[in-house]
Amino acid sequence: MGKELGHRSISGDLSGLYRVKFDVAGQRPQRFRLVYRQLDDTTRELVAIGRRDEHAIYRLAASRLSP
């Protein structure tokens, strides 16, 4: 499981979503994020994946979930 995101002042409400950081080995800080939600015990839904740059990936995830 990744880190639960919750409400963020910059990108909005990401409650129920989780993030995983990743990058090539040795790269610090890690530049990429995978944002997902847990649908049930065995299924995760990928909401967004990409660079963190200026929280853009979190804003993209929030926009995909808004009605």
Protein backbone atom coordinates (compact mmCIF):
# COMPACT_ATOMS: atom_id res chain seq x y z
CA MET A 1 0.00 0.00 0.00
CA GLY A 2 1.12 3.50 -0.76
CA LYS A 3 0.67 6.59 1.37
CA GLU A 4 -2.93 7.83 1.73
CA LEU A 5 -3.29 11.33 0.27
CA GLY A 6 -6.36 12.91 1.92
CA HIS A 7 -7.22 16.59 1.43
CA ARG A 8 -4.53 18.79 -0.10
CA SER A 9 -4.68 22.57 -0.18
CA ILE A 10 -3.06 22.78 -3.64
CA SER A 11 -4.81 19.98 -5.50
CA GLY A 12 -8.05 19.49 -3.57
CA ASP A 13 -9.69 16.48 -1.97
CA LEU A 14 -7.84 13.28 -2.73
CA SER A 15 -9.47 11.28 0.05
CA GLY A 16 -9.52 7.58 -0.72
CA LEU A 17 -6.50 7.86 -3.02
CA TYR A 18 -2.98 6.60 -2.40
CA ARG A 19 0.39 7.41 -3.93
CA VAL A 20 3.56 5.52 -4.66
CA LYS A 21 6.82 7.38 -5.44
CA PHE A 22 9.27 5.94 -7.93
CA ASP A 23 12.21 6.76 -10.18
CA VAL A 24 15.38 5.20 -11.58
CA ALA A 25 17.65 3.68 -8.95
CA GLY A 26 19.64 6.29 -7.07
CA GLN A 27 17.62 9.29 -8.27
CA ARG A 28 16.71 11.58 -5.37
CA PRO A 29 14.24 13.03 -4.87
CA GLN A 30 11.97 10.56 -6.62
CA ARG A 31 10.27 12.44 -9.48
CA PHE A 32 7.32 10.24 -10.42
CA ARG A 33 4.04 9.39 -8.73
CA LEU A 34 1.47 6.67 -9.26
CA VAL A 35 -1.94 7.65 -7.83
CA TYR A 36 -4.51 4.92 -7.29
CA ARG A 37 -7.52 3.88 -5.25
CA GLN A 38 -8.32 0.53 -3.68
CA LEU A 39 -11.63 -0.75 -5.10
CA ASP A 40 -11.75 -3.99 -3.09
CA ASP A 41 -9.39 -6.47 -1.45
CA THR A 42 -7.73 -7.45 -4.73
CA THR A 43 -8.38 -4.57 -7.16
CA ARG A 44 -6.63 -1.23 -7.47
CA GLU A 45 -7.67 1.42 -9.98
CA LEU A 46 -4.91 3.55 -11.48
CA VAL A 47 -6.07 7.18 -11.46
CA ALA A 48 -2.93 8.98 -12.67
CA ILE A 49 0.76 8.39 -13.25
CA GLY A 50 3.44 10.92 -14.08
CA ARG A 51 5.87 13.56 -12.82
CA ARG A 52 5.16 15.35 -9.57
CA ASP A 53 6.20 18.73 -11.07
CA GLU A 54 4.41 21.50 -9.17
CA HIS A 55 1.84 18.97 -7.86
CA ALA A 56 0.47 18.56 -11.40
CA ILE A 57 -0.08 14.82 -11.00
CA TYR A 58 -2.27 15.42 -7.94
CA ARG A 59 -4.33 18.10 -9.72
CA LEU A 60 -4.79 15.70 -12.64
CA ALA A 61 -5.98 12.94 -10.30
CA ALA A 62 -8.47 15.31 -8.61
CA SER A 63 -9.82 16.48 -11.99
CA ARG A 64 -10.38 12.88 -13.10
CA LEU A 65 -12.50 12.20 -10.03
CA SER A 66 -14.63 15.35 -10.05
CA PRO A 67 -18.10 14.99 -11.61
